[in-house]
Each structure stands twice: as C-alpha cells, then as structure tokens.
C-alpha cells in the first residue's frame, strides 16, 4: 500500500527516521507517547532502538506499533539526507 513503511532507523532523543512507500520521508518523535501504556517500555533506549517493520507498520519486539495514520499525520517531513542531518544537529 502507499502508506507502508519501507525504511525505519532509530535516531537520538527517542525519534525515528521513516521512509514511506509513497516517497515521503520524515522524523517521528516518540517522546509524547513514552509515558502511556505499552509505550513506557520504549523509554529504554536499547529496547526502543530495536524498532523494525512488520507488514508495512513500525513495530517493536513486544508488539508496540504506530498506526500508519498517526505516523503520516505527525511525522516531520525531511526532504534529503542533508536536511535529516540538519534536523538531528539542531537538537
């Protein structure tokens, strides 16, 4: 599907870099959800860095996931690798 995630990489400060099948790229901030329910486990950097993709959705080993609709509406767009590096450096 056009909203399937094709790439995900952990970034510093509880963020992830995401590429979607439709060509969109961006950074998703996990911090707003870290104190809620099953997402509390993501407060552990080692665990949160185990992010992966299952059936086009961002997931973690203990079945946490991010709904595609949430991901698409809340990720900060990134147009290139250079702008990604700038985004990381600005924090």
N, C-alpha and C. Protein backbone atom coordinates (compact mmCIF):
# COMPACT_ATOMS: atom_id res chain seq x y z
N UNK A 1 0.83 -1.18 0.00
CA UNK A 1 0.00 0.00 0.00
C UNK A 1 0.88 1.25 0.00
N UNK A 2 0.31 2.35 -0.36
CA UNK A 2 1.08 3.58 -0.48
C UNK A 2 1.54 4.11 0.87
N UNK A 3 0.95 3.70 1.97
CA UNK A 3 1.35 4.21 3.28
C UNK A 3 2.27 3.23 4.01
N UNK A 4 2.62 2.11 3.42
CA UNK A 4 3.51 1.16 4.07
C UNK A 4 4.89 1.76 4.30
N UNK A 5 5.44 1.47 5.45
CA UNK A 5 6.79 1.91 5.78
C UNK A 5 7.77 0.99 5.08
N UNK A 6 8.78 1.58 4.42
CA UNK A 6 9.79 0.75 3.77
C UNK A 6 11.13 0.83 4.48
N UNK A 7 11.37 1.91 5.26
CA UNK A 7 12.62 2.08 6.00
C UNK A 7 12.32 2.73 7.34
N UNK A 8 12.96 2.24 8.39
CA UNK A 8 12.89 2.89 9.69
C UNK A 8 14.25 2.76 10.36
N UNK A 9 14.72 3.86 10.94
CA UNK A 9 16.01 3.87 11.62
C UNK A 9 15.87 4.65 12.92
N UNK A 10 16.39 4.10 14.01
CA UNK A 10 16.35 4.85 15.27
C UNK A 10 17.29 6.05 15.20
N UNK A 11 16.87 7.13 15.84
CA UNK A 11 17.66 8.36 15.93
C UNK A 11 17.83 8.72 17.41
N UNK A 12 18.74 9.64 17.70
CA UNK A 12 18.88 10.08 19.09
C UNK A 12 17.59 10.73 19.60
N UNK A 13 17.48 10.79 20.90
CA UNK A 13 16.41 11.51 21.59
C UNK A 13 15.02 10.95 21.28
N UNK A 14 14.92 9.61 21.23
CA UNK A 14 13.64 8.93 21.06
C UNK A 14 12.87 9.37 19.82
N UNK A 15 13.60 9.43 18.71
CA UNK A 15 12.98 9.73 17.42
C UNK A 15 13.34 8.62 16.45
N UNK A 16 12.57 8.51 15.39
CA UNK A 16 12.87 7.54 14.34
C UNK A 16 12.75 8.22 12.98
N UNK A 17 13.63 7.80 12.08
CA UNK A 17 13.58 8.26 10.69
C UNK A 17 12.76 7.23 9.92
N UNK A 18 11.85 7.72 9.09
CA UNK A 18 10.91 6.84 8.39
C UNK A 18 10.85 7.19 6.91
N UNK A 19 10.82 6.17 6.07
CA UNK A 19 10.53 6.35 4.64
C UNK A 19 9.30 5.51 4.32
N UNK A 20 8.36 6.15 3.63
CA UNK A 20 7.09 5.51 3.27
C UNK A 20 7.15 5.10 1.79
N UNK A 21 6.41 4.07 1.43
CA UNK A 21 6.38 3.59 0.05
C UNK A 21 6.03 4.68 -0.96
N UNK A 22 5.23 5.66 -0.56
CA UNK A 22 4.82 6.72 -1.49
C UNK A 22 5.89 7.80 -1.67
N UNK A 23 7.07 7.60 -1.06
CA UNK A 23 8.17 8.55 -1.23
C UNK A 23 8.34 9.55 -0.10
N UNK A 24 7.37 9.64 0.79
CA UNK A 24 7.50 10.58 1.92
C UNK A 24 8.57 10.09 2.88
N UNK A 25 9.32 11.05 3.43
CA UNK A 25 10.38 10.77 4.41
C UNK A 25 10.18 11.73 5.56
N UNK A 26 10.48 11.26 6.77
CA UNK A 26 10.32 12.16 7.89
C UNK A 26 10.85 11.61 9.18
N UNK A 27 10.72 12.43 10.21
CA UNK A 27 11.15 12.07 11.55
C UNK A 27 9.91 12.04 12.43
N UNK A 28 9.77 10.94 13.16
CA UNK A 28 8.65 10.78 14.09
C UNK A 28 9.21 10.81 15.50
N UNK A 29 8.63 11.64 16.34
CA UNK A 29 9.06 11.81 17.73
C UNK A 29 8.24 10.88 18.63
N UNK A 30 8.92 9.98 19.31
CA UNK A 30 8.25 9.04 20.20
C UNK A 30 7.97 9.61 21.58
N UNK A 31 8.65 10.70 21.95
CA UNK A 31 8.57 11.22 23.32
C UNK A 31 7.15 11.48 23.82
N UNK A 32 6.23 12.02 23.02
CA UNK A 32 4.89 12.28 23.56
C UNK A 32 4.16 11.02 24.06
N UNK A 33 4.57 9.84 23.58
CA UNK A 33 3.87 8.61 23.96
C UNK A 33 4.61 7.77 24.99
N UNK A 34 5.80 8.17 25.40
CA UNK A 34 6.63 7.33 26.26
C UNK A 34 6.06 7.09 27.66
N UNK A 35 5.13 7.90 28.11
CA UNK A 35 4.55 7.72 29.44
C UNK A 35 3.16 7.08 29.40
N UNK A 36 2.81 6.48 28.27
CA UNK A 36 1.47 5.92 28.11
C UNK A 36 1.52 4.43 27.83
N UNK A 37 0.84 3.67 28.67
CA UNK A 37 0.61 2.24 28.44
C UNK A 37 1.83 1.46 27.99
N UNK A 38 1.64 0.68 26.93
CA UNK A 38 2.69 -0.21 26.44
C UNK A 38 3.92 0.54 25.93
N UNK A 39 3.76 1.83 25.64
CA UNK A 39 4.89 2.60 25.11
C UNK A 39 5.92 2.96 26.18
N UNK A 40 5.58 2.77 27.46
CA UNK A 40 6.55 3.03 28.54
C UNK A 40 7.83 2.22 28.35
N UNK A 41 7.69 1.04 27.80
CA UNK A 41 8.85 0.17 27.58
C UNK A 41 9.86 0.82 26.62
N UNK A 42 9.38 1.72 25.77
CA UNK A 42 10.27 2.39 24.81
C UNK A 42 11.18 3.42 25.49
N UNK A 43 10.98 3.70 26.77
CA UNK A 43 11.86 4.61 27.50
C UNK A 43 13.27 4.04 27.61
N UNK A 44 13.40 2.75 27.46
CA UNK A 44 14.71 2.07 27.46
C UNK A 44 15.30 2.22 26.05
N UNK A 45 16.38 3.00 25.94
CA UNK A 45 17.00 3.25 24.63
C UNK A 45 17.34 1.96 23.89
N UNK A 46 17.91 1.00 24.61
CA UNK A 46 18.30 -0.26 23.97
C UNK A 46 17.08 -0.93 23.33
N UNK A 47 15.98 -0.92 24.05
CA UNK A 47 14.76 -1.53 23.52
C UNK A 47 14.16 -0.70 22.38
N UNK A 48 14.06 0.61 22.57
CA UNK A 48 13.44 1.45 21.52
C UNK A 48 14.24 1.40 20.22
N UNK A 49 15.54 1.15 20.31
CA UNK A 49 16.37 1.04 19.10
C UNK A 49 16.14 -0.27 18.35
N UNK A 50 15.35 -1.18 18.90
CA UNK A 50 15.04 -2.45 18.24
C UNK A 50 13.83 -2.32 17.32
N UNK A 51 13.53 -1.11 16.92
CA UNK A 51 12.40 -0.83 16.03
C UNK A 51 12.58 -1.57 14.70
N UNK A 52 11.47 -2.02 14.16
CA UNK A 52 11.51 -2.72 12.87
C UNK A 52 10.22 -2.48 12.11
N UNK A 53 10.06 -3.24 11.04
CA UNK A 53 8.87 -3.13 10.19
C UNK A 53 8.24 -4.51 10.08
N UNK A 54 6.93 -4.56 10.28
CA UNK A 54 6.18 -5.79 10.11
C UNK A 54 4.90 -5.45 9.33
N UNK A 55 4.76 -6.06 8.17
CA UNK A 55 3.59 -5.80 7.31
C UNK A 55 3.39 -4.31 7.04
N UNK A 56 4.50 -3.59 6.83
CA UNK A 56 4.43 -2.18 6.47
C UNK A 56 4.21 -1.23 7.63
N UNK A 57 4.23 -1.75 8.86
CA UNK A 57 3.98 -0.94 10.05
C UNK A 57 5.21 -0.96 10.95
N UNK A 58 5.48 0.16 11.60
CA UNK A 58 6.58 0.25 12.56
C UNK A 58 6.20 -0.51 13.81
N UNK A 59 7.08 -1.42 14.24
CA UNK A 59 6.81 -2.25 15.41
C UNK A 59 8.06 -2.44 16.25
N UNK A 60 7.84 -2.95 17.47
CA UNK A 60 8.91 -3.35 18.38
C UNK A 60 8.64 -4.79 18.80
N UNK A 61 9.64 -5.47 19.38
CA UNK A 61 9.50 -6.90 19.70
C UNK A 61 8.30 -7.27 20.57
N UNK A 62 7.90 -6.40 21.49
CA UNK A 62 6.78 -6.73 22.38
C UNK A 62 5.45 -6.19 21.86
N UNK A 63 5.36 -6.07 20.54
CA UNK A 63 4.13 -5.77 19.82
C UNK A 63 3.64 -4.32 19.91
N UNK A 64 4.47 -3.39 20.37
CA UNK A 64 4.10 -1.99 20.25
C UNK A 64 4.15 -1.65 18.77
N UNK A 65 3.27 -0.77 18.34
CA UNK A 65 3.32 -0.32 16.96
C UNK A 65 2.77 1.09 16.85
N UNK A 66 3.00 1.70 15.71
CA UNK A 66 2.48 3.04 15.44
C UNK A 66 1.56 2.93 14.23
N UNK A 67 0.34 3.35 14.42
CA UNK A 67 -0.64 3.29 13.33
C UNK A 67 -0.18 4.16 12.17
N UNK A 68 -0.32 3.68 10.94
CA UNK A 68 0.11 4.47 9.78
C UNK A 68 -0.51 5.86 9.75
N UNK A 69 -1.78 5.98 10.12
CA UNK A 69 -2.44 7.28 10.12
C UNK A 69 -1.75 8.25 11.08
N UNK A 70 -1.38 7.76 12.26
CA UNK A 70 -0.66 8.59 13.24
C UNK A 70 0.71 8.97 12.71
N UNK A 71 1.41 8.02 12.18
CA UNK A 71 2.75 8.26 11.63
C UNK A 71 2.71 9.34 10.56
N UNK A 72 1.81 9.20 9.60
CA UNK A 72 1.74 10.14 8.50
C UNK A 72 1.32 11.54 8.94
N UNK A 73 0.44 11.62 9.92
CA UNK A 73 -0.04 12.94 10.35
C UNK A 73 0.92 13.66 11.29
N UNK A 74 1.80 12.90 11.98
CA UNK A 74 2.64 13.53 12.99
C UNK A 74 4.13 13.59 12.66
N UNK A 75 4.56 12.93 11.59
CA UNK A 75 6.00 12.96 11.32
C UNK A 75 6.39 14.29 10.67
N UNK A 76 7.58 14.76 11.02
CA UNK A 76 8.13 15.99 10.49
C UNK A 76 8.81 15.65 9.16
N UNK A 77 8.35 16.23 8.05
CA UNK A 77 8.92 15.88 6.74
C UNK A 77 10.42 16.21 6.64
N UNK A 78 11.13 15.34 5.95
CA UNK A 78 12.54 15.51 5.64
C UNK A 78 12.70 15.27 4.16
N UNK A 79 13.33 16.20 3.47
CA UNK A 79 13.42 16.08 2.02
C UNK A 79 14.69 15.39 1.53
N UNK A 80 15.75 15.42 2.34
CA UNK A 80 17.00 14.82 1.89
C UNK A 80 17.82 14.38 3.09
N UNK A 81 18.89 13.64 2.82
CA UNK A 81 19.80 13.23 3.88
C UNK A 81 20.42 14.44 4.55
N UNK A 82 20.72 15.48 3.78
CA UNK A 82 21.31 16.70 4.34
C UNK A 82 20.34 17.36 5.33
N UNK A 83 19.05 17.43 4.97
CA UNK A 83 18.10 18.04 5.89
C UNK A 83 17.87 17.16 7.11
N UNK A 84 18.02 15.85 6.96
CA UNK A 84 17.93 14.95 8.11
C UNK A 84 19.07 15.24 9.07
N UNK A 85 20.28 15.37 8.55
CA UNK A 85 21.44 15.66 9.41
C UNK A 85 21.28 17.01 10.08
N UNK A 86 20.74 17.99 9.37
CA UNK A 86 20.50 19.30 9.98
C UNK A 86 19.48 19.19 11.10
N UNK A 87 18.45 18.41 10.89
CA UNK A 87 17.40 18.22 11.88
C UNK A 87 17.97 17.58 13.13
N UNK A 88 18.82 16.59 12.99
CA UNK A 88 19.44 15.92 14.12
C UNK A 88 20.37 16.87 14.85
N UNK A 89 21.18 17.62 14.10
CA UNK A 89 22.15 18.53 14.70
C UNK A 89 21.49 19.69 15.44
N UNK A 90 20.29 20.09 15.03
CA UNK A 90 19.64 21.23 15.66
C UNK A 90 19.11 20.91 17.05
N UNK A 91 19.06 19.65 17.41
CA UNK A 91 18.54 19.27 18.73
C UNK A 91 19.60 19.24 19.75
